[in-house]
């Protein structure tokens, strides 16, 4: 018979597969408002821009695009990893610590408290603010320096190094992924080696409004007046310009084939469904969006009507019209999924 701890772990694992956002809080019954983005790969090279730098960059790119670049989280509101690390500690839907003092008490009781004092000084616990600061920097250094956050051990990495070959299906998938007149995925999820042959992170760190359907699995969405608008709120407060509403960060696609929730609201639970939505959003909108009381497809229904103009309809393949043929067939989707599976870490290059 499983111990209570093992039963809890088993239940948590099952929930992790099915829930759009995980349960947390003091009683583990409070659901978050967003899917959890991966901490891998986007950390060690994510550019951090001040708001002035972001505005300057945006000016050079486009006179109308004022969205910032980089940062951490779906809305990029954290400029530094130690800032990002603090959020879940006090979020009532996550670890739900009341304040830094409550965190201090837990750290003092932790099995690594002695080691903490050895590293940061024997009197570190006398100053709660210093404890908190050093703890956040410790998390930041771990995320930046531990190889597990950026191992580069996928089949695609070995392919770039000339150690393995991709299959015919994987190569077809990559071609579809790259095609600017088709999937056009590589325009945001860059798959070409960088300076000095650096392996790509499969993101450009920019922000996009894709019009992902509203997700009824999120409890917060039971309120018809609630909208998660990414850059312009409700969590981020400094980018309230309406043109930023509905934009979320383009995440790295590394290890995406191992995930069970996709997009910021966890609307899709399989990679292939996420790909289908991407290429069929405009050709088959009735497949993805509900109908309003007048029987019309309520497209882009996870944004207020007045802000739906922000959704990307100018970049391929998001330019299509209802009834047109999607740029990918089901076979194409299988091929792209096969290519994305080559981005999963832990590949054995001896595998034939």
Protein backbone atom coordinates (compact mmCIF):
# COMPACT_ATOMS: atom_id res chain seq x y z
CA UNK A 1 0.00 0.00 0.00
CA UNK A 2 1.26 3.47 -0.86
CA UNK A 3 2.22 5.78 1.97
CA UNK A 4 0.26 9.02 2.27
CA UNK A 5 3.24 10.93 0.81
CA UNK A 6 3.42 8.61 -2.18
CA UNK A 7 -0.33 8.80 -2.72
CA UNK A 8 -0.09 12.60 -2.68
CA UNK A 9 2.76 12.49 -5.20
CA UNK A 10 0.77 10.14 -7.43
CA UNK A 11 -2.27 12.41 -7.31
CA UNK A 12 -0.10 15.45 -8.01
CA UNK A 13 1.46 13.73 -11.01
CA UNK A 14 -1.95 12.84 -12.40
CA UNK A 15 -3.17 16.40 -11.89
CA UNK A 16 -0.07 17.80 -13.52
CA UNK A 17 -1.09 16.07 -16.71
CA UNK A 18 -4.67 17.32 -16.75
CA UNK A 19 -4.82 20.70 -15.00
CA UNK A 20 -4.31 23.88 -16.99
CA UNK A 21 -2.89 25.54 -13.87
CA UNK A 22 -1.69 23.69 -10.78
CA UNK A 23 -3.20 23.85 -7.32
CA UNK A 24 -1.35 25.67 -4.55
CA UNK A 25 -1.93 27.89 -1.58
CA UNK A 26 -1.70 26.98 2.09
CA UNK A 27 -4.20 24.12 1.61
CA UNK A 28 -3.17 23.17 -1.96
CA UNK A 29 -6.70 23.94 -3.14
CA UNK A 30 -6.08 27.34 -4.74
CA UNK A 31 -5.70 27.22 -8.50
CA UNK A 32 -3.28 29.51 -10.27
CA UNK A 33 -4.31 31.69 -13.18
CA UNK A 34 -1.68 30.64 -15.71
CA UNK A 35 0.10 27.52 -16.90
CA UNK A 36 3.61 27.19 -15.51
CA UNK A 37 6.29 28.09 -18.08
CA UNK A 38 9.49 26.11 -18.17
CA UNK A 39 12.57 27.45 -16.41
CA UNK A 40 14.88 25.74 -18.86
CA UNK A 41 16.94 27.51 -21.49
CA UNK A 42 15.21 30.90 -21.39
CA UNK A 43 17.26 31.76 -18.33
CA UNK A 44 20.89 31.77 -19.24
CA UNK A 45 20.63 34.07 -22.25
CA UNK A 46 17.35 35.92 -21.92
CA UNK A 47 18.10 39.57 -22.67
CA UNK A 48 17.05 41.97 -19.94
CA UNK A 49 15.91 45.36 -21.18
CA UNK A 50 15.08 48.40 -19.14
CA UNK A 51 11.86 50.05 -20.24
CA UNK A 52 13.85 52.82 -21.93
CA UNK A 53 15.94 50.26 -23.81
CA UNK A 54 12.83 48.33 -24.80
CA UNK A 55 11.16 51.46 -26.13
CA UNK A 56 14.30 52.35 -28.07
CA UNK A 57 14.50 48.88 -29.59
CA UNK A 58 10.82 48.91 -30.48
CA UNK A 59 11.23 52.27 -32.20
CA UNK A 60 13.91 50.79 -34.42
CA UNK A 61 11.80 47.75 -35.20
CA UNK A 62 8.46 49.41 -35.75
CA UNK A 63 6.86 52.74 -35.13
CA UNK A 64 3.76 51.02 -33.73
CA UNK A 65 5.26 48.19 -31.74
CA UNK A 66 5.99 49.42 -28.23
CA UNK A 67 6.10 46.04 -26.47
CA UNK A 68 9.14 45.32 -24.32
CA UNK A 69 11.51 42.48 -25.10
CA UNK A 70 12.77 39.79 -22.75
CA UNK A 71 12.23 39.58 -19.05
CA UNK A 72 10.88 36.54 -17.21
CA UNK A 73 7.38 35.14 -16.91
CA UNK A 74 4.55 35.06 -19.45
CA UNK A 75 4.33 38.84 -19.30
CA UNK A 76 8.07 39.49 -18.88
CA UNK A 77 7.46 41.61 -15.79
CA UNK A 78 10.53 40.35 -13.93
CA UNK A 79 13.79 41.89 -15.10
CA UNK A 80 15.94 39.59 -12.98
CA UNK A 81 15.73 35.97 -11.91
CA UNK A 82 15.92 36.82 -8.22
CA UNK A 83 12.80 38.97 -8.69
CA UNK A 84 11.00 36.15 -10.48
CA UNK A 85 11.96 33.68 -7.74
CA UNK A 86 10.25 35.77 -5.08
CA UNK A 87 6.83 35.81 -6.71
CA UNK A 88 5.73 32.18 -6.12
CA UNK A 89 6.92 32.37 -2.51
CA UNK A 90 4.26 34.92 -1.59
CA UNK A 91 1.61 34.27 -4.23
CA UNK A 92 -1.54 33.05 -2.40
CA UNK A 93 -2.11 30.53 -5.20
CA UNK A 94 1.37 29.05 -4.84
CA UNK A 95 3.56 28.84 -1.71
CA UNK A 96 1.47 31.43 0.12
CA UNK A 97 4.08 32.66 2.61
CA UNK A 98 2.62 35.60 4.52
CA UNK A 99 5.75 37.77 4.45
CA UNK A 100 9.59 37.54 4.51
CA UNK A 101 9.41 36.90 8.26
CA UNK A 102 7.41 33.70 7.67
CA UNK A 103 9.98 32.64 5.09
CA UNK A 104 12.80 33.37 7.55
CA UNK A 105 11.23 31.08 10.13
CA UNK A 106 11.05 28.26 7.60
CA UNK A 107 14.64 28.76 6.49
CA UNK A 108 15.83 28.62 10.10
CA UNK A 109 14.14 25.23 10.48
CA UNK A 110 15.33 23.89 7.15
CA UNK A 111 17.87 21.01 7.09
CA UNK A 112 20.26 23.26 5.14
CA UNK A 113 20.14 26.14 7.68
CA UNK A 114 23.65 25.36 8.91
CA UNK A 115 25.00 25.38 5.37
CA UNK A 116 23.15 28.64 4.70
CA UNK A 117 25.00 30.24 7.62
CA UNK A 118 28.33 28.87 6.42
CA UNK A 119 27.83 30.49 3.04
CA UNK A 120 26.26 33.80 4.07
CA UNK A 121 27.59 34.33 7.58
CA UNK A 122 26.81 32.96 11.03
CA UNK A 123 24.66 35.99 11.88
CA UNK A 124 22.67 35.97 8.65
CA UNK A 125 19.40 35.06 10.37
CA UNK A 126 19.58 38.18 12.53
CA UNK A 127 18.57 40.29 9.53
CA UNK A 128 15.39 39.05 7.76
CA UNK A 129 15.92 41.34 4.77
CA UNK A 130 19.41 39.97 4.16
CA UNK A 131 18.15 36.39 4.50
CA UNK A 132 15.54 37.00 1.84
CA UNK A 133 17.96 38.77 -0.52
CA UNK A 134 20.62 36.07 -0.25
CA UNK A 135 18.08 33.27 -0.63
CA UNK A 136 16.78 34.80 -3.87
CA UNK A 137 20.30 35.29 -5.22
CA UNK A 138 21.09 31.66 -4.35
CA UNK A 139 18.11 30.52 -6.43
CA UNK A 140 19.18 32.80 -9.26
CA UNK A 141 22.73 31.43 -9.32
CA UNK A 142 21.42 27.87 -9.24
CA UNK A 143 19.17 28.53 -12.24
CA UNK A 144 21.96 30.21 -14.16
CA UNK A 145 24.79 27.83 -13.38
CA UNK A 146 23.36 24.35 -12.89
CA UNK A 147 23.69 22.36 -16.16
CA UNK A 148 20.25 20.82 -15.70
CA UNK A 149 18.68 24.13 -16.74
CA UNK A 150 20.43 24.14 -20.10
CA UNK A 151 21.96 20.72 -20.85
CA UNK A 152 21.77 20.87 -24.69
CA UNK A 153 21.41 17.07 -24.89
CA UNK A 154 18.56 16.78 -27.38
CA UNK A 155 18.73 14.92 -30.66
CA UNK A 156 18.63 18.29 -32.41
CA UNK A 157 21.75 19.42 -30.53
CA UNK A 158 23.61 16.31 -31.61
CA UNK A 159 22.33 16.88 -35.15
CA UNK A 160 23.76 20.41 -35.13
CA UNK A 161 27.07 18.96 -33.97
CA UNK A 162 27.05 16.48 -36.85
CA UNK A 163 26.82 13.45 -34.54
CA UNK A 164 23.42 12.15 -35.67
CA UNK A 165 21.06 12.53 -38.60
CA UNK A 166 17.41 13.46 -38.44
CA UNK A 167 14.90 11.07 -39.97
CA UNK A 168 13.07 11.91 -43.18
CA UNK A 169 9.95 12.74 -41.15
CA UNK A 170 11.88 14.98 -38.75
CA UNK A 171 13.49 16.82 -41.67
CA UNK A 172 10.08 17.31 -43.30
CA UNK A 173 8.84 18.71 -40.01
CA UNK A 174 11.75 21.12 -39.78
CA UNK A 175 11.12 22.35 -43.32
CA UNK A 176 7.45 22.99 -42.49
CA UNK A 177 8.50 24.68 -39.25
CA UNK A 178 10.89 27.00 -41.10
CA UNK A 179 8.76 27.82 -44.16
CA UNK A 180 7.90 31.56 -43.96
CA UNK A 181 4.93 31.03 -46.27
CA UNK A 182 3.68 28.10 -44.21
CA UNK A 183 4.08 27.46 -40.52
CA UNK A 184 6.52 30.35 -40.18
CA UNK A 185 7.35 29.09 -36.67
CA UNK A 186 11.03 29.94 -36.88
CA UNK A 187 10.25 33.65 -37.14
CA UNK A 188 9.61 33.63 -33.38
CA UNK A 189 11.12 30.29 -32.33
CA UNK A 190 14.52 30.67 -33.94
CA UNK A 191 16.15 27.34 -34.80
CA UNK A 192 19.36 28.50 -36.45
CA UNK A 193 22.72 28.43 -34.62
CA UNK A 194 23.82 31.75 -33.21
CA UNK A 195 27.14 33.50 -32.84
CA UNK A 196 30.09 31.12 -32.82
CA UNK A 197 27.76 28.19 -33.47
CA UNK A 198 25.78 28.62 -30.23
CA UNK A 199 22.80 26.29 -30.23
CA UNK A 200 19.43 28.04 -30.57
CA UNK A 201 17.00 28.51 -27.69
CA UNK A 202 13.91 28.38 -29.95
CA UNK A 203 12.57 31.77 -28.89
CA UNK A 204 13.20 35.38 -29.85
CA UNK A 205 12.08 36.60 -26.38
CA UNK A 206 9.39 38.75 -27.96
CA UNK A 207 5.65 38.95 -27.29
CA UNK A 208 2.70 37.86 -29.42
CA UNK A 209 -1.10 38.00 -29.25
CA UNK A 210 -2.30 34.71 -30.71
CA UNK A 211 -5.94 34.82 -29.62
CA UNK A 212 -5.83 31.54 -27.71
CA UNK A 213 -9.40 30.48 -26.77
CA UNK A 214 -10.64 31.13 -23.25
CA UNK A 215 -10.05 28.13 -21.00
CA UNK A 216 -13.02 27.04 -18.86
CA UNK A 217 -10.67 24.81 -16.83
CA UNK A 218 -9.33 27.91 -15.07
CA UNK A 219 -11.53 28.72 -12.10
CA UNK A 220 -10.82 32.42 -12.45
CA UNK A 221 -12.52 32.36 -15.84
CA UNK A 222 -15.86 31.63 -14.21
CA UNK A 223 -16.05 35.41 -13.84
CA UNK A 224 -17.00 36.71 -17.32
CA UNK A 225 -15.43 40.07 -16.47
CA UNK A 226 -12.00 38.55 -15.80
CA UNK A 227 -9.46 38.68 -18.60
CA UNK A 228 -5.78 37.81 -18.52
CA UNK A 229 -4.30 40.36 -20.89
CA UNK A 230 -0.62 39.56 -20.48
CA UNK A 231 1.54 42.64 -20.86
CA UNK A 232 -1.20 45.05 -19.76
CA UNK A 233 -2.46 43.13 -16.73
CA UNK A 234 -3.73 42.04 -14.39
CA UNK A 235 -0.32 40.98 -12.98
CA UNK A 236 1.88 43.41 -14.88
CA UNK A 237 1.16 47.05 -14.09
CA UNK A 238 3.67 49.10 -16.11
CA UNK A 239 2.61 48.33 -19.70
CA UNK A 240 -1.03 49.42 -19.62
CA UNK A 241 -1.09 50.82 -23.16
CA UNK A 242 -3.98 49.13 -24.97
CA UNK A 243 -1.78 47.98 -27.84
CA UNK A 244 0.01 45.65 -25.41
CA UNK A 245 -3.15 43.88 -24.24
CA UNK A 246 -3.27 40.18 -25.05
CA UNK A 247 0.46 39.83 -25.72
CA UNK A 248 2.37 37.00 -24.06
CA UNK A 249 6.00 35.96 -24.31
CA UNK A 250 7.09 33.55 -27.02
CA UNK A 251 8.39 30.64 -24.97
CA UNK A 252 11.23 28.30 -25.83
CA UNK A 253 10.06 25.18 -27.64
CA UNK A 254 12.80 23.04 -26.19
CA UNK A 255 11.29 20.02 -24.40
CA UNK A 256 7.85 21.09 -25.61
CA UNK A 257 6.99 17.51 -26.61
CA UNK A 258 7.14 16.52 -22.93
CA UNK A 259 4.61 19.13 -21.80
CA UNK A 260 0.93 18.56 -21.05
CA UNK A 261 -0.31 22.14 -21.12
CA UNK A 262 0.27 24.69 -23.86
CA UNK A 263 -0.06 28.47 -24.10
CA UNK A 264 -0.35 30.86 -21.17
CA UNK A 265 -3.77 29.62 -20.09
CA UNK A 266 -3.08 25.91 -20.57
CA UNK A 267 -5.92 25.69 -23.08
CA UNK A 268 -4.48 22.67 -24.91
CA UNK A 269 -3.18 19.43 -23.42
CA UNK A 270 -1.46 17.86 -26.41
CA UNK A 271 1.24 19.21 -28.68
CA UNK A 272 -0.68 18.25 -31.80
CA UNK A 273 -3.80 20.11 -30.67
CA UNK A 274 -1.67 23.20 -30.04
CA UNK A 275 -0.26 22.88 -33.57
CA UNK A 276 -3.73 22.32 -35.04
CA UNK A 277 -5.02 25.47 -33.39
CA UNK A 278 -2.09 27.44 -34.71
CA UNK A 279 -2.79 26.59 -38.36
CA UNK A 280 -6.60 26.22 -38.17
CA UNK A 281 -7.42 29.22 -35.96
CA UNK A 282 -8.62 31.26 -38.91
CA UNK A 283 -9.61 28.56 -41.40
CA UNK A 284 -11.78 26.62 -38.94
CA UNK A 285 -12.62 29.05 -36.11
CA UNK A 286 -15.81 27.20 -35.16
CA UNK A 287 -13.60 24.27 -34.13
CA UNK A 288 -11.84 26.33 -31.46
CA UNK A 289 -14.20 29.06 -30.32
CA UNK A 290 -17.77 28.95 -28.91
CA UNK A 291 -20.73 30.73 -30.47
CA UNK A 292 -22.23 33.88 -29.02
CA UNK A 293 -25.97 34.21 -28.25
CA UNK A 294 -26.58 35.21 -31.88
CA UNK A 295 -24.97 32.04 -33.22
CA UNK A 296 -21.81 33.77 -34.43
CA UNK A 297 -18.40 32.31 -33.67
CA UNK A 298 -16.97 34.28 -30.74
CA UNK A 299 -13.43 34.48 -32.10
CA UNK A 300 -10.58 35.56 -29.79
CA UNK A 301 -13.01 35.21 -26.87
CA UNK A 302 -10.35 35.44 -24.16
CA UNK A 303 -9.98 39.18 -24.73
CA UNK A 304 -12.51 42.01 -24.37
CA UNK A 305 -14.13 42.72 -27.73
CA UNK A 306 -12.52 46.15 -28.03
CA UNK A 307 -9.03 44.69 -27.66
CA UNK A 308 -9.30 41.79 -30.10
CA UNK A 309 -7.77 43.96 -32.81
CA UNK A 310 -4.42 43.30 -31.09
CA UNK A 311 -4.44 39.64 -32.11
CA UNK A 312 -1.93 38.84 -34.84
CA UNK A 313 -3.62 38.50 -38.22
CA UNK A 314 -0.72 39.71 -40.36
CA UNK A 315 1.94 37.03 -39.92
CA UNK A 316 1.68 33.66 -41.65
CA UNK A 317 -0.16 31.40 -41.08
CA UNK A 318 -2.49 33.72 -39.16
CA UNK A 319 -3.68 35.53 -42.29
CA UNK A 320 -6.06 32.86 -43.53
CA UNK A 321 -9.82 33.16 -43.97
CA UNK A 322 -12.66 30.90 -42.90
CA UNK A 323 -13.07 27.97 -45.26
CA UNK A 324 -9.58 28.16 -46.73
CA UNK A 325 -7.28 25.18 -46.56
CA UNK A 326 -4.96 25.21 -43.52
CA UNK A 327 -1.26 25.48 -44.35
CA UNK A 328 -0.67 22.09 -42.69
CA UNK A 329 -2.42 18.78 -43.24
CA UNK A 330 -2.68 16.14 -40.52
CA UNK A 331 0.40 14.47 -41.95
CA UNK A 332 2.22 17.80 -41.79
CA UNK A 333 1.22 18.17 -38.13
CA UNK A 334 2.60 14.71 -37.43
CA UNK A 335 5.86 15.70 -39.12
CA UNK A 336 6.21 18.98 -37.21
CA UNK A 337 5.47 17.16 -33.94
CA UNK A 338 8.19 14.65 -34.83
CA UNK A 339 10.65 17.49 -35.39
CA UNK A 340 9.72 19.16 -32.09
CA UNK A 341 10.28 15.84 -30.32
CA UNK A 342 13.94 16.11 -31.35
CA UNK A 343 14.20 19.07 -28.93
CA UNK A 344 13.71 16.80 -25.90
CA UNK A 345 16.79 16.60 -23.67
CA UNK A 346 18.37 13.31 -22.68
CA UNK A 347 18.79 11.82 -26.13
CA UNK A 348 21.33 9.03 -26.47
CA UNK A 349 23.36 9.68 -29.65
CA UNK A 350 24.10 5.94 -29.83
CA UNK A 351 20.42 5.28 -30.48
CA UNK A 352 19.86 4.00 -33.99
